[in-house]
Amino acid sequence: MRVLVIDTIAGEGIAYLRQHGFEVDEIKKPSAQELPRDVRW
């Protein structure tokens, strides 16, 4: 089974899914350091 995870807090849940045979795709919100200076909030 394949799942899509968006912006998780704890990686333990992702690891649990992978250990139980799930194919996990992740979409993460960029950190403030990754954003251009004029886009930071």
PDB file of N, CA and C in Angstrom:
ATOM      1  N   MET A   1       0.841  -1.166   0.000  1.00  0.00           N
ATOM      2  CA  MET A   1       0.000   0.000   0.000  1.00  0.00           C
ATOM      3  C   MET A   1       0.893   1.238   0.000  1.00  0.00           C
ATOM      4  N   ARG A   2       0.427   2.275  -0.651  1.00  0.00           N
ATOM      5  CA  ARG A   2       1.188   3.515  -0.750  1.00  0.00           C
ATOM      6  C   ARG A   2       0.418   4.621  -0.032  1.00  0.00           C
ATOM      7  N   VAL A   3       1.136   5.433   0.749  1.00  0.00           N
ATOM      8  CA  VAL A   3       0.509   6.544   1.458  1.00  0.00           C
ATOM      9  C   VAL A   3       1.273   7.832   1.182  1.00  0.00           C
ATOM     10  N   LEU A   4       0.575   8.959   1.274  1.00  0.00           N
ATOM     11  CA  LEU A   4       1.170  10.278   1.136  1.00  0.00           C
ATOM     12  C   LEU A   4       1.022  10.979   2.475  1.00  0.00           C
ATOM     13  N   VAL A   5       2.141  11.439   3.037  1.00  0.00           N
ATOM     14  CA  VAL A   5       2.145  12.119   4.324  1.00  0.00           C
ATOM     15  C   VAL A   5       2.569  13.563   4.079  1.00  0.00           C
ATOM     16  N   ILE A   6       1.798  14.486   4.634  1.00  0.00           N
ATOM     17  CA  ILE A   6       2.081  15.897   4.436  1.00  0.00           C
ATOM     18  C   ILE A   6       2.439  16.553   5.760  1.00  0.00           C
ATOM     19  N   ASP A   7       3.662  17.093   5.846  1.00  0.00           N
ATOM     20  CA  ASP A   7       4.119  17.910   6.962  1.00  0.00           C
ATOM     21  C   ASP A   7       3.931  17.245   8.328  1.00  0.00           C
ATOM     22  N   THR A   8       4.657  16.165   8.569  1.00  0.00           N
ATOM     23  CA  THR A   8       4.566  15.470   9.849  1.00  0.00           C
ATOM     24  C   THR A   8       5.439  16.135  10.901  1.00  0.00           C
ATOM     25  N   ILE A   9       5.135  15.843  12.160  1.00  0.00           N
ATOM     26  CA  ILE A   9       5.930  16.347  13.270  1.00  0.00           C
ATOM     27  C   ILE A   9       6.896  15.263  13.753  1.00  0.00           C
ATOM     28  N   ALA A  10       6.386  14.065  13.989  1.00  0.00           N
ATOM     29  CA  ALA A  10       7.201  12.977  14.525  1.00  0.00           C
ATOM     30  C   ALA A  10       7.509  11.958  13.428  1.00  0.00           C
ATOM     31  N   GLY A  11       8.782  11.658  13.280  1.00  0.00           N
ATOM     32  CA  GLY A  11       9.195  10.684  12.278  1.00  0.00           C
ATOM     33  C   GLY A  11       8.924   9.248  12.662  1.00  0.00           C
ATOM     34  N   GLU A  12       8.568   9.007  13.929  1.00  0.00           N
ATOM     35  CA  GLU A  12       8.318   7.632  14.375  1.00  0.00           C
ATOM     36  C   GLU A  12       7.155   6.998  13.623  1.00  0.00           C
ATOM     37  N   GLY A  13       6.148   7.798  13.312  1.00  0.00           N
ATOM     38  CA  GLY A  13       4.991   7.265  12.578  1.00  0.00           C
ATOM     39  C   GLY A  13       5.372   6.856  11.166  1.00  0.00           C
ATOM     40  N   ILE A  14       6.226   7.655  10.533  1.00  0.00           N
ATOM     41  CA  ILE A  14       6.711   7.328   9.187  1.00  0.00           C
ATOM     42  C   ILE A  14       7.521   6.040   9.232  1.00  0.00           C
ATOM     43  N   ALA A  15       8.403   5.930  10.229  1.00  0.00           N
ATOM     44  CA  ALA A  15       9.214   4.719  10.376  1.00  0.00           C
ATOM     45  C   ALA A  15       8.329   3.498  10.610  1.00  0.00           C
ATOM     46  N   TYR A  16       7.295   3.639  11.424  1.00  0.00           N
ATOM     47  CA  TYR A  16       6.369   2.536  11.704  1.00  0.00           C
ATOM     48  C   TYR A  16       5.700   2.059  10.411  1.00  0.00           C
ATOM     49  N   LEU A  17       5.217   3.017   9.610  1.00  0.00           N
ATOM     50  CA  LEU A  17       4.566   2.639   8.358  1.00  0.00           C
ATOM     51  C   LEU A  17       5.531   1.898   7.442  1.00  0.00           C
ATOM     52  N   ARG A  18       6.750   2.408   7.325  1.00  0.00           N
ATOM     53  CA  ARG A  18       7.735   1.756   6.454  1.00  0.00           C
ATOM     54  C   ARG A  18       8.094   0.366   6.956  1.00  0.00           C
ATOM     55  N   GLN A  19       8.210   0.196   8.270  1.00  0.00           N
ATOM     56  CA  GLN A  19       8.529  -1.116   8.838  1.00  0.00           C
ATOM     57  C   GLN A  19       7.421  -2.125   8.567  1.00  0.00           C
ATOM     58  N   HIS A  20       6.213  -1.647   8.363  1.00  0.00           N
ATOM     59  CA  HIS A  20       5.081  -2.535   8.121  1.00  0.00           C
ATOM     60  C   HIS A  20       4.703  -2.617   6.643  1.00  0.00           C
ATOM     61  N   GLY A  21       5.671  -2.279   5.780  1.00  0.00           N
ATOM     62  CA  GLY A  21       5.505  -2.534   4.357  1.00  0.00           C
ATOM     63  C   GLY A  21       4.844  -1.435   3.545  1.00  0.00           C
ATOM     64  N   PHE A  22       4.584  -0.282   4.137  1.00  0.00           N
ATOM     65  CA  PHE A  22       3.983   0.810   3.394  1.00  0.00           C
ATOM     66  C   PHE A  22       5.054   1.554   2.600  1.00  0.00           C
ATOM     67  N   GLU A  23       4.696   1.983   1.415  1.00  0.00           N
ATOM     68  CA  GLU A  23       5.557   2.845   0.621  1.00  0.00           C
ATOM     69  C   GLU A  23       5.120   4.271   0.928  1.00  0.00           C
ATOM     70  N   VAL A  24       5.999   5.059   1.544  1.00  0.00           N
ATOM     71  CA  VAL A  24       5.625   6.375   2.056  1.00  0.00           C
ATOM     72  C   VAL A  24       6.269   7.481   1.225  1.00  0.00           C
ATOM     73  N   ASP A  25       5.436   8.384   0.722  1.00  0.00           N
ATOM     74  CA  ASP A  25       5.899   9.607   0.070  1.00  0.00           C
ATOM     75  C   ASP A  25       5.627  10.748   1.042  1.00  0.00           C
ATOM     76  N   GLU A  26       6.585  11.654   1.201  1.00  0.00           N
ATOM     77  CA  GLU A  26       6.429  12.766   2.145  1.00  0.00           C
ATOM     78  C   GLU A  26       6.501  14.104   1.422  1.00  0.00           C
ATOM     79  N   ILE A  27       5.658  15.016   1.842  1.00  0.00           N
ATOM     80  CA  ILE A  27       5.720  16.407   1.395  1.00  0.00           C
ATOM     81  C   ILE A  27       5.914  17.233   2.655  1.00  0.00           C
ATOM     82  N   LYS A  28       7.021  17.960   2.709  1.00  0.00           N
ATOM     83  CA  LYS A  28       7.328  18.750   3.897  1.00  0.00           C
ATOM     84  C   LYS A  28       7.311  20.235   3.564  1.00  0.00           C
ATOM     85  N   LYS A  29       6.826  21.012   4.531  1.00  0.00           N
ATOM     86  CA  LYS A  29       6.881  22.462   4.410  1.00  0.00           C
ATOM     87  C   LYS A  29       8.335  22.878   4.597  1.00  0.00           C
ATOM     88  N   PRO A  30       8.852  23.778   3.770  1.00  0.00           N
ATOM     89  CA  PRO A  30      10.252  24.194   3.938  1.00  0.00           C
ATOM     90  C   PRO A  30      10.441  24.957   5.249  1.00  0.00           C
ATOM     91  N   SER A  31      11.613  24.825   5.830  1.00  0.00           N
ATOM     92  CA  SER A  31      11.931  25.560   7.054  1.00  0.00           C
ATOM     93  C   SER A  31      12.175  27.027   6.706  1.00  0.00           C
ATOM     94  N   ALA A  32      12.191  27.881   7.713  1.00  0.00           N
ATOM     95  CA  ALA A  32      12.438  29.310   7.499  1.00  0.00           C
ATOM     96  C   ALA A  32      13.798  29.535   6.854  1.00  0.00           C
ATOM     97  N   GLN A  33      14.782  28.692   7.186  1.00  0.00           N
ATOM     98  CA  GLN A  33      16.120  28.832   6.619  1.00  0.00           C
ATOM     99  C   GLN A  33      16.149  28.470   5.132  1.00  0.00           C
ATOM    100  N   GLU A  34      15.217  27.638   4.689  1.00  0.00           N
ATOM    101  CA  GLU A  34      15.175  27.215   3.293  1.00  0.00           C
ATOM    102  C   GLU A  34      14.441  28.214   2.398  1.00  0.00           C
ATOM    103  N   LEU A  35      13.651  29.091   2.994  1.00  0.00           N
ATOM    104  CA  LEU A  35      12.885  30.061   2.210  1.00  0.00           C
ATOM    105  C   LEU A  35      13.728  31.293   1.887  1.00  0.00           C
ATOM    106  N   PRO A  36      13.456  31.939   0.759  1.00  0.00           N
ATOM    107  CA  PRO A  36      14.140  33.202   0.492  1.00  0.00           C
ATOM    108  C   PRO A  36      13.787  34.218   1.579  1.00  0.00           C
ATOM    109  N   ARG A  37      14.689  35.111   1.870  1.00  0.00           N
ATOM    110  CA  ARG A  37      14.529  36.064   2.975  1.00  0.00           C
ATOM    111  C   ARG A  37      13.211  36.869   2.867  1.00  0.00           C
ATOM    112  N   ASP A  38      12.808  37.264   1.673  1.00  0.00           N
ATOM    113  CA  ASP A  38      11.609  38.087   1.519  1.00  0.00           C
ATOM    114  C   ASP A  38      10.302  37.304   1.629  1.00  0.00           C
ATOM    115  N   VAL A  39      10.377  35.970   1.766  1.00  0.00           N
ATOM    116  CA  VAL A  39       9.171  35.136   1.862  1.00  0.00           C
ATOM    117  C   VAL A  39       8.946  34.644   3.298  1.00  0.00           C
ATOM    118  N   ARG A  40       9.905  34.819   4.178  1.00  0.00           N
ATOM    119  CA  ARG A  40       9.791  34.297   5.540  1.00  0.00           C
ATOM    120  C   ARG A  40       8.662  34.951   6.308  1.00  0.00           C
ATOM    121  N   TRP A  41       8.063  34.150   7.174  1.00  0.00           N
ATOM    122  CA  TRP A  41       6.991  34.663   8.020  1.00  0.00           C
ATOM    123  C   TRP A  41       7.405  34.725   9.444  1.00  0.00           C
TER     124      TRP A  41
END
